[in-house]
PDB file of all heavy atoms in Angstrom:
ATOM      1  N   GLN A   1     153.434 138.870 130.318  1.00  0.00           N
ATOM      2  CA  GLN A   1     152.227 138.035 130.296  1.00  0.00           C
ATOM      3  C   GLN A   1     151.977 137.379 131.642  1.00  0.00           C
ATOM      4  O   GLN A   1     150.825 137.263 132.085  1.00  0.00           O
ATOM      5  CB  GLN A   1     152.336 136.977 129.193  1.00  0.00           C
ATOM      6  CG  GLN A   1     152.243 137.567 127.802  1.00  0.00           C
ATOM      7  CD  GLN A   1     152.366 136.510 126.725  1.00  0.00           C
ATOM      8  OE1 GLN A   1     151.726 135.472 126.808  1.00  0.00           O
ATOM      9  NE2 GLN A   1     153.191 136.778 125.722  1.00  0.00           N
ATOM     10  N   MET A   2     153.037 136.940 132.315  1.00  0.00           N
ATOM     11  CA  MET A   2     152.872 136.319 133.626  1.00  0.00           C
ATOM     12  C   MET A   2     152.384 137.345 134.644  1.00  0.00           C
ATOM     13  O   MET A   2     151.557 137.031 135.501  1.00  0.00           O
ATOM     14  CB  MET A   2     154.181 135.679 134.087  1.00  0.00           C
ATOM     15  CG  MET A   2     154.061 134.953 135.419  1.00  0.00           C
ATOM     16  SD  MET A   2     152.825 133.628 135.446  1.00  0.00           S
ATOM     17  CE  MET A   2     153.785 132.282 134.762  1.00  0.00           C
ATOM     18  N   VAL A   3     152.878 138.563 134.564  1.00  0.00           N
ATOM     19  CA  VAL A   3     152.406 139.634 135.452  1.00  0.00           C
ATOM     20  C   VAL A   3     150.903 139.839 135.264  1.00  0.00           C
ATOM     21  O   VAL A   3     150.146 139.915 136.240  1.00  0.00           O
ATOM     22  CB  VAL A   3     153.182 140.948 135.202  1.00  0.00           C
ATOM     23  CG1 VAL A   3     152.484 142.140 135.838  1.00  0.00           C
ATOM     24  CG2 VAL A   3     154.616 140.826 135.711  1.00  0.00           C
ATOM     25  N   ALA A   4     150.470 139.902 134.012  1.00  0.00           N
ATOM     26  CA  ALA A   4     149.037 140.092 133.731  1.00  0.00           C
ATOM     27  C   ALA A   4     148.219 138.915 134.254  1.00  0.00           C
ATOM     28  O   ALA A   4     147.146 139.111 134.851  1.00  0.00           O
ATOM     29  CB  ALA A   4     148.821 140.275 132.233  1.00  0.00           C
ATOM     30  N   LEU A   5     148.696 137.708 134.071  1.00  0.00           N
ATOM     31  CA  LEU A   5     147.989 136.524 134.566  1.00  0.00           C
ATOM     32  C   LEU A   5     147.914 136.544 136.097  1.00  0.00           C
ATOM     33  O   LEU A   5     146.859 136.269 136.678  1.00  0.00           O
ATOM     34  CB  LEU A   5     148.710 135.264 134.080  1.00  0.00           C
ATOM     35  CG  LEU A   5     148.066 133.929 134.385  1.00  0.00           C
ATOM     36  CD1 LEU A   5     148.425 132.922 133.297  1.00  0.00           C
ATOM     37  CD2 LEU A   5     148.460 133.387 135.727  1.00  0.00           C
ATOM     38  N   ALA A   6     149.024 136.870 136.742  1.00  0.00           N
ATOM     39  CA  ALA A   6     149.053 136.906 138.210  1.00  0.00           C
ATOM     40  C   ALA A   6     148.085 137.960 138.748  1.00  0.00           C
ATOM     41  O   ALA A   6     147.408 137.729 139.756  1.00  0.00           O
ATOM     42  CB  ALA A   6     150.473 137.189 138.699  1.00  0.00           C
ATOM     43  N   ARG A   7     148.005 139.080 138.081  1.00  0.00           N
ATOM     44  CA  ARG A   7     147.118 140.161 138.513  1.00  0.00           C
ATOM     45  C   ARG A   7     145.659 139.858 138.187  1.00  0.00           C
ATOM     46  O   ARG A   7     144.792 139.912 139.050  1.00  0.00           O
ATOM     47  CB  ARG A   7     147.549 141.476 137.848  1.00  0.00           C
ATOM     48  CG  ARG A   7     146.696 142.670 138.228  1.00  0.00           C
ATOM     49  CD  ARG A   7     147.004 143.894 137.368  1.00  0.00           C
ATOM     50  NE  ARG A   7     146.747 143.596 135.965  1.00  0.00           N
ATOM     51  CZ  ARG A   7     147.645 143.768 134.992  1.00  0.00           C
ATOM     52  NH1 ARG A   7     148.844 144.247 135.256  1.00  0.00           N
ATOM     53  NH2 ARG A   7     147.341 143.463 133.753  1.00  0.00           N
ATOM     54  N   ASP A   8     145.390 139.511 136.927  1.00  0.00           N
ATOM     55  CA  ASP A   8     144.010 139.432 136.439  1.00  0.00           C
ATOM     56  C   ASP A   8     143.318 138.108 136.749  1.00  0.00           C
ATOM     57  O   ASP A   8     142.123 138.096 137.015  1.00  0.00           O
ATOM     58  CB  ASP A   8     143.976 139.679 134.935  1.00  0.00           C
ATOM     59  CG  ASP A   8     144.531 141.042 134.557  1.00  0.00           C
ATOM     60  OD1 ASP A   8     144.554 141.949 135.420  1.00  0.00           O
ATOM     61  OD2 ASP A   8     144.960 141.204 133.398  1.00  0.00           O
ATOM     62  N   GLN A   9     144.040 137.006 136.688  1.00  0.00           N
ATOM     63  CA  GLN A   9     143.415 135.696 136.921  1.00  0.00           C
ATOM     64  C   GLN A   9     143.647 135.170 138.328  1.00  0.00           C
ATOM     65  O   GLN A   9     142.719 134.663 138.964  1.00  0.00           O
ATOM     66  CB  GLN A   9     143.907 134.678 135.891  1.00  0.00           C
ATOM     67  CG  GLN A   9     143.455 135.015 134.475  1.00  0.00           C
ATOM     68  CD  GLN A   9     143.954 134.005 133.473  1.00  0.00           C
ATOM     69  OE1 GLN A   9     144.092 132.825 133.776  1.00  0.00           O
ATOM     70  NE2 GLN A   9     144.232 134.458 132.259  1.00  0.00           N
ATOM     71  N   LEU A  10     144.879 135.291 138.807  1.00  0.00           N
ATOM     72  CA  LEU A  10     145.181 134.778 140.141  1.00  0.00           C
ATOM     73  C   LEU A  10     144.883 135.799 141.233  1.00  0.00           C
ATOM     74  O   LEU A  10     144.873 135.465 142.412  1.00  0.00           O
ATOM     75  CB  LEU A  10     146.645 134.325 140.222  1.00  0.00           C
ATOM     76  CG  LEU A  10     147.042 133.216 139.246  1.00  0.00           C
ATOM     77  CD1 LEU A  10     148.524 132.909 139.371  1.00  0.00           C
ATOM     78  CD2 LEU A  10     146.203 131.973 139.481  1.00  0.00           C
ATOM     79  N   ARG A  11     144.691 137.039 140.837  1.00  0.00           N
ATOM     80  CA  ARG A  11     144.366 138.126 141.777  1.00  0.00           C
ATOM     81  C   ARG A  11     145.440 138.314 142.853  1.00  0.00           C
ATOM     82  O   ARG A  11     145.135 138.586 144.009  1.00  0.00           O
ATOM     83  CB  ARG A  11     143.004 137.903 142.429  1.00  0.00           C
ATOM     84  CG  ARG A  11     141.866 137.755 141.468  1.00  0.00           C
ATOM     85  CD  ARG A  11     141.424 139.118 140.986  1.00  0.00           C
ATOM     86  NE  ARG A  11     140.238 138.976 140.145  1.00  0.00           N
ATOM     87  CZ  ARG A  11     140.066 139.632 139.017  1.00  0.00           C
ATOM     88  NH1 ARG A  11     140.988 140.465 138.598  1.00  0.00           N
ATOM     89  NH2 ARG A  11     138.991 139.474 138.296  1.00  0.00           N
ATOM     90  N   LEU A  12     146.707 138.167 142.445  1.00  0.00           N
ATOM     91  CA  LEU A  12     147.799 138.405 143.377  1.00  0.00           C
ATOM     92  C   LEU A  12     148.050 139.907 143.489  1.00  0.00           C
ATOM     93  O   LEU A  12     147.728 140.680 142.579  1.00  0.00           O
ATOM     94  CB  LEU A  12     149.070 137.687 142.915  1.00  0.00           C
ATOM     95  CG  LEU A  12     148.996 136.155 142.927  1.00  0.00           C
ATOM     96  CD1 LEU A  12     150.283 135.559 142.375  1.00  0.00           C
ATOM     97  CD2 LEU A  12     148.712 135.634 144.321  1.00  0.00           C
ATOM     98  N   HIS A  13     148.626 140.301 144.596  1.00  0.00           N
ATOM     99  CA  HIS A  13     148.934 141.711 144.860  1.00  0.00           C
ATOM    100  C   HIS A  13     150.382 142.057 144.519  1.00  0.00           C
ATOM    101  O   HIS A  13     150.687 143.183 144.153  1.00  0.00           O
ATOM    102  CB  HIS A  13     148.666 142.018 146.339  1.00  0.00           C
ATOM    103  CG  HIS A  13     149.166 143.342 146.786  1.00  0.00           C
ATOM    104  ND1 HIS A  13     148.598 144.531 146.374  1.00  0.00           N
ATOM    105  CD2 HIS A  13     150.204 143.680 147.598  1.00  0.00           C
ATOM    106  CE1 HIS A  13     149.255 145.547 146.919  1.00  0.00           C
ATOM    107  NE2 HIS A  13     150.228 145.054 147.660  1.00  0.00           N
ATOM    108  N   ARG A  14     151.280 141.042 144.619  1.00  0.00           N
ATOM    109  CA  ARG A  14     152.703 141.325 144.508  1.00  0.00           C
ATOM    110  C   ARG A  14     153.437 140.128 143.927  1.00  0.00           C
ATOM    111  O   ARG A  14     153.119 138.985 144.227  1.00  0.00           O
ATOM    112  CB  ARG A  14     153.228 141.600 145.924  1.00  0.00           C
ATOM    113  CG  ARG A  14     154.697 141.827 146.050  1.00  0.00           C
ATOM    114  CD  ARG A  14     155.036 142.007 147.554  1.00  0.00           C
ATOM    115  NE  ARG A  14     156.445 142.048 147.760  1.00  0.00           N
ATOM    116  CZ  ARG A  14     157.226 140.975 147.852  1.00  0.00           C
ATOM    117  NH1 ARG A  14     156.735 139.773 147.770  1.00  0.00           N
ATOM    118  NH2 ARG A  14     158.525 141.114 148.035  1.00  0.00           N
ATOM    119  N   LEU A  15     154.420 140.416 143.085  1.00  0.00           N
ATOM    120  CA  LEU A  15     155.347 139.391 142.601  1.00  0.00           C
ATOM    121  C   LEU A  15     156.754 139.781 143.020  1.00  0.00           C
ATOM    122  O   LEU A  15     157.098 140.967 143.053  1.00  0.00           O
ATOM    123  CB  LEU A  15     155.293 139.256 141.076  1.00  0.00           C
ATOM    124  CG  LEU A  15     154.050 138.620 140.476  1.00  0.00           C
ATOM    125  CD1 LEU A  15     154.176 138.548 138.966  1.00  0.00           C
ATOM    126  CD2 LEU A  15     153.783 137.249 141.063  1.00  0.00           C
ATOM    127  N   GLN A  16     157.542 138.766 143.308  1.00  0.00           N
ATOM    128  CA  GLN A  16     158.933 138.968 143.681  1.00  0.00           C
ATOM    129  C   GLN A  16     159.810 138.168 142.731  1.00  0.00           C
ATOM    130  O   GLN A  16     159.418 137.101 142.270  1.00  0.00           O
ATOM    131  CB  GLN A  16     159.159 138.482 145.115  1.00  0.00           C
ATOM    132  CG  GLN A  16     160.608 138.524 145.549  1.00  0.00           C
ATOM    133  CD  GLN A  16     160.786 138.182 147.018  1.00  0.00           C
ATOM    134  OE1 GLN A  16     160.198 138.826 147.865  1.00  0.00           O
ATOM    135  NE2 GLN A  16     161.606 137.179 147.304  1.00  0.00           N
ATOM    136  N   ALA A  17     160.983 138.690 142.459  1.00  0.00           N
ATOM    137  CA  ALA A  17     161.989 137.961 141.683  1.00  0.00           C
ATOM    138  C   ALA A  17     163.301 138.026 142.453  1.00  0.00           C
ATOM    139  O   ALA A  17     163.681 139.087 142.956  1.00  0.00           O
ATOM    140  CB  ALA A  17     162.157 138.572 140.300  1.00  0.00           C
ATOM    141  N   GLU A  18     163.957 136.891 142.565  1.00  0.00           N
ATOM    142  CA  GLU A  18     165.261 136.808 143.223  1.00  0.00           C
ATOM    143  C   GLU A  18     166.294 136.602 142.128  1.00  0.00           C
ATOM    144  O   GLU A  18     166.250 135.601 141.417  1.00  0.00           O
ATOM    145  CB  GLU A  18     165.310 135.638 144.215  1.00  0.00           C
ATOM    146  CG  GLU A  18     164.230 135.673 145.271  1.00  0.00           C
ATOM    147  CD  GLU A  18     162.916 135.014 144.869  1.00  0.00           C
ATOM    148  OE1 GLU A  18     162.848 134.373 143.797  1.00  0.00           O
ATOM    149  OE2 GLU A  18     161.953 135.149 145.622  1.00  0.00           O
ATOM    150  N   ILE A  19     167.211 137.548 141.991  1.00  0.00           N
ATOM    151  CA  ILE A  19     168.141 137.523 140.859  1.00  0.00           C
ATOM    152  C   ILE A  19     169.569 137.708 141.365  1.00  0.00           C
ATOM    153  O   ILE A  19     169.837 138.600 142.183  1.00  0.00           O
ATOM    154  CB  ILE A  19     167.789 138.641 139.843  1.00  0.00           C
ATOM    155  CG1 ILE A  19     166.332 138.486 139.386  1.00  0.00           C
ATOM    156  CG2 ILE A  19     168.748 138.616 138.667  1.00  0.00           C
ATOM    157  CD1 ILE A  19     165.823 139.647 138.538  1.00  0.00           C
ATOM    158  N   MET A  20     170.471 136.891 140.849  1.00  0.00           N
ATOM    159  CA  MET A  20     171.881 137.047 141.218  1.00  0.00           C
ATOM    160  C   MET A  20     172.374 138.417 140.751  1.00  0.00           C
ATOM    161  O   MET A  20     172.060 138.848 139.632  1.00  0.00           O
ATOM    162  CB  MET A  20     172.728 135.940 140.582  1.00  0.00           C
ATOM    163  CG  MET A  20     172.417 134.566 141.163  1.00  0.00           C
ATOM    164  SD  MET A  20     173.392 133.249 140.412  1.00  0.00           S
ATOM    165  CE  MET A  20     174.982 133.582 141.171  1.00  0.00           C
ATOM    166  N   PRO A  21     173.121 139.131 141.577  1.00  0.00           N
ATOM    167  CA  PRO A  21     173.607 140.458 141.193  1.00  0.00           C
ATOM    168  C   PRO A  21     174.384 140.463 139.880  1.00  0.00           C
ATOM    169  O   PRO A  21     174.355 141.448 139.147  1.00  0.00           O
ATOM    170  CB  PRO A  21     174.499 140.871 142.369  1.00  0.00           C
ATOM    171  CG  PRO A  21     173.952 140.101 143.532  1.00  0.00           C
ATOM    172  CD  PRO A  21     173.493 138.787 142.949  1.00  0.00           C
ATOM    173  N   THR A  22     175.051 139.360 139.553  1.00  0.00           N
ATOM    174  CA  THR A  22     175.839 139.289 138.327  1.00  0.00           C
ATOM    175  C   THR A  22     175.001 139.008 137.084  1.00  0.00           C
ATOM    176  O   THR A  22     175.503 139.106 135.972  1.00  0.00           O
ATOM    177  CB  THR A  22     176.917 138.200 138.458  1.00  0.00           C
ATOM    178  OG1 THR A  22     176.273 136.951 138.772  1.00  0.00           O
ATOM    179  CG2 THR A  22     177.930 138.548 139.538  1.00  0.00           C
ATOM    180  N   ASN A  23     173.723 138.663 137.261  1.00  0.00           N
ATOM    181  CA  ASN A  23     172.863 138.352 136.118  1.00  0.00           C
ATOM    182  C   ASN A  23     172.220 139.642 135.597  1.00  0.00           C
ATOM    183  O   ASN A  23     171.044 139.920 135.822  1.00  0.00           O
ATOM    184  CB  ASN A  23     171.802 137.320 136.511  1.00  0.00           C
ATOM    185  CG  ASN A  23     171.059 136.775 135.316  1.00  0.00           C
ATOM    186  OD1 ASN A  23     171.063 137.364 134.234  1.00  0.00           O
ATOM    187  ND2 ASN A  23     170.405 135.653 135.507  1.00  0.00           N
ATOM    188  N   ILE A  24     173.017 140.412 134.903  1.00  0.00           N
ATOM    189  CA  ILE A  24     172.591 141.722 134.413  1.00  0.00           C
ATOM    190  C   ILE A  24     171.401 141.591 133.468  1.00  0.00           C
ATOM    191  O   ILE A  24     170.453 142.383 133.527  1.00  0.00           O
ATOM    192  CB  ILE A  24     173.758 142.455 133.700  1.00  0.00           C
ATOM    193  CG1 ILE A  24     174.965 142.587 134.640  1.00  0.00           C
ATOM    194  CG2 ILE A  24     173.310 143.811 133.181  1.00  0.00           C
ATOM    195  CD1 ILE A  24     174.724 143.345 135.912  1.00  0.00           C
ATOM    196  N   ALA A  25     171.403 140.610 132.592  1.00  0.00           N
ATOM    197  CA  ALA A  25     170.312 140.446 131.626  1.00  0.00           C
ATOM    198  C   ALA A  25     168.980 140.224 132.338  1.00  0.00           C
ATOM    199  O   ALA A  25     167.974 140.857 132.001  1.00  0.00           O
ATOM    200  CB  ALA A  25     170.609 139.284 130.677  1.00  0.00           C
ATOM    201  N   SER A  26     168.960 139.355 133.335  1.00  0.00           N
ATOM    202  CA  SER A  26     167.721 139.082 134.052  1.00  0.00           C
ATOM    203  C   SER A  26     167.275 140.302 134.861  1.00  0.00           C
ATOM    204  O   SER A  26     166.074 140.590 134.955  1.00  0.00           O
ATOM    205  CB  SER A  26     167.891 137.873 134.966  1.00  0.00           C
ATOM    206  OG  SER A  26     166.643 137.490 135.493  1.00  0.00           O
ATOM    207  N   ARG A  27     168.221 141.011 135.423  1.00  0.00           N
ATOM    208  CA  ARG A  27     167.875 142.239 136.152  1.00  0.00           C
ATOM    209  C   ARG A  27     167.234 143.253 135.213  1.00  0.00           C
ATOM    210  O   ARG A  27     166.235 143.891 135.569  1.00  0.00           O
ATOM    211  CB  ARG A  27     169.124 142.823 136.818  1.00  0.00           C
ATOM    212  CG  ARG A  27     169.613 141.965 137.984  1.00  0.00           C
ATOM    213  CD  ARG A  27     170.940 142.420 138.546  1.00  0.00           C
ATOM    214  NE  ARG A  27     170.971 143.840 138.801  1.00  0.00           N
ATOM    215  CZ  ARG A  27     172.086 144.525 139.005  1.00  0.00           C
ATOM    216  NH1 ARG A  27     173.259 143.923 138.977  1.00  0.00           N
ATOM    217  NH2 ARG A  27     172.045 145.816 139.235  1.00  0.00           N
ATOM    218  N   CYS A  28     167.772 143.387 134.006  1.00  0.00           N
ATOM    219  CA  CYS A  28     167.203 144.316 133.025  1.00  0.00           C
ATOM    220  C   CYS A  28     165.796 143.892 132.618  1.00  0.00           C
ATOM    221  O   CYS A  28     164.903 144.739 132.473  1.00  0.00           O
ATOM    222  CB  CYS A  28     168.104 144.427 131.798  1.00  0.00           C
ATOM    223  SG  CYS A  28     169.644 145.309 132.107  1.00  0.00           S
ATOM    224  N   VAL A  29     165.577 142.588 132.426  1.00  0.00           N
ATOM    225  CA  VAL A  29     164.248 142.080 132.088  1.00  0.00           C
ATOM    226  C   VAL A  29     163.255 142.480 133.176  1.00  0.00           C
ATOM    227  O   VAL A  29     162.186 143.024 132.900  1.00  0.00           O
ATOM    228  CB  VAL A  29     164.259 140.545 131.895  1.00  0.00           C
ATOM    229  CG1 VAL A  29     162.846 139.977 131.865  1.00  0.00           C
ATOM    230  CG2 VAL A  29     165.010 140.174 130.625  1.00  0.00           C
ATOM    231  N   ALA A  30     163.610 142.190 134.420  1.00  0.00           N
ATOM    232  CA  ALA A  30     162.716 142.505 135.544  1.00  0.00           C
ATOM    233  C   ALA A  30     162.432 144.010 135.607  1.00  0.00           C
ATOM    234  O   ALA A  30     161.270 144.426 135.749  1.00  0.00           O
ATOM    235  CB  ALA A  30     163.325 142.015 136.855  1.00  0.00           C
ATOM    236  N   GLU A  31     163.462 144.820 135.484  1.00  0.00           N
ATOM    237  CA  GLU A  31     163.280 146.270 135.575  1.00  0.00           C
ATOM    238  C   GLU A  31     162.422 146.801 134.431  1.00  0.00           C
ATOM    239  O   GLU A  31     161.563 147.667 134.630  1.00  0.00           O
ATOM    240  CB  GLU A  31     164.640 146.964 135.636  1.00  0.00           C
ATOM    241  CG  GLU A  31     165.334 146.713 136.965  1.00  0.00           C
ATOM    242  CD  GLU A  31     166.779 147.184 137.013  1.00  0.00           C
ATOM    243  OE1 GLU A  31     167.240 147.862 136.061  1.00  0.00           O
ATOM    244  OE2 GLU A  31     167.458 146.855 138.011  1.00  0.00           O
ATOM    245  N   ARG A  32     162.617 146.270 133.209  1.00  0.00           N
ATOM    246  CA  ARG A  32     161.785 146.699 132.071  1.00  0.00           C
ATOM    247  C   ARG A  32     160.315 146.330 132.282  1.00  0.00           C
ATOM    248  O   ARG A  32     159.433 146.963 131.725  1.00  0.00           O
ATOM    249  CB  ARG A  32     162.301 146.101 130.765  1.00  0.00           C
ATOM    250  CG  ARG A  32     163.463 146.895 130.168  1.00  0.00           C
ATOM    251  CD  ARG A  32     163.724 146.501 128.724  1.00  0.00           C
ATOM    252  NE  ARG A  32     164.023 145.091 128.552  1.00  0.00           N
ATOM    253  CZ  ARG A  32     165.233 144.548 128.607  1.00  0.00           C
ATOM    254  NH1 ARG A  32     166.272 145.310 128.828  1.00  0.00           N
ATOM    255  NH2 ARG A  32     165.398 143.265 128.412  1.00  0.00           N
TER     256      ARG A  32
END
């Protein structure tokens, strides 16, 4: 939902996420 908001309402081109290498769950969320 945040990706859609950033694209459609805020008109951003790119989002970045900084994730600790050991945070496998968050990495999986981002990749999905």
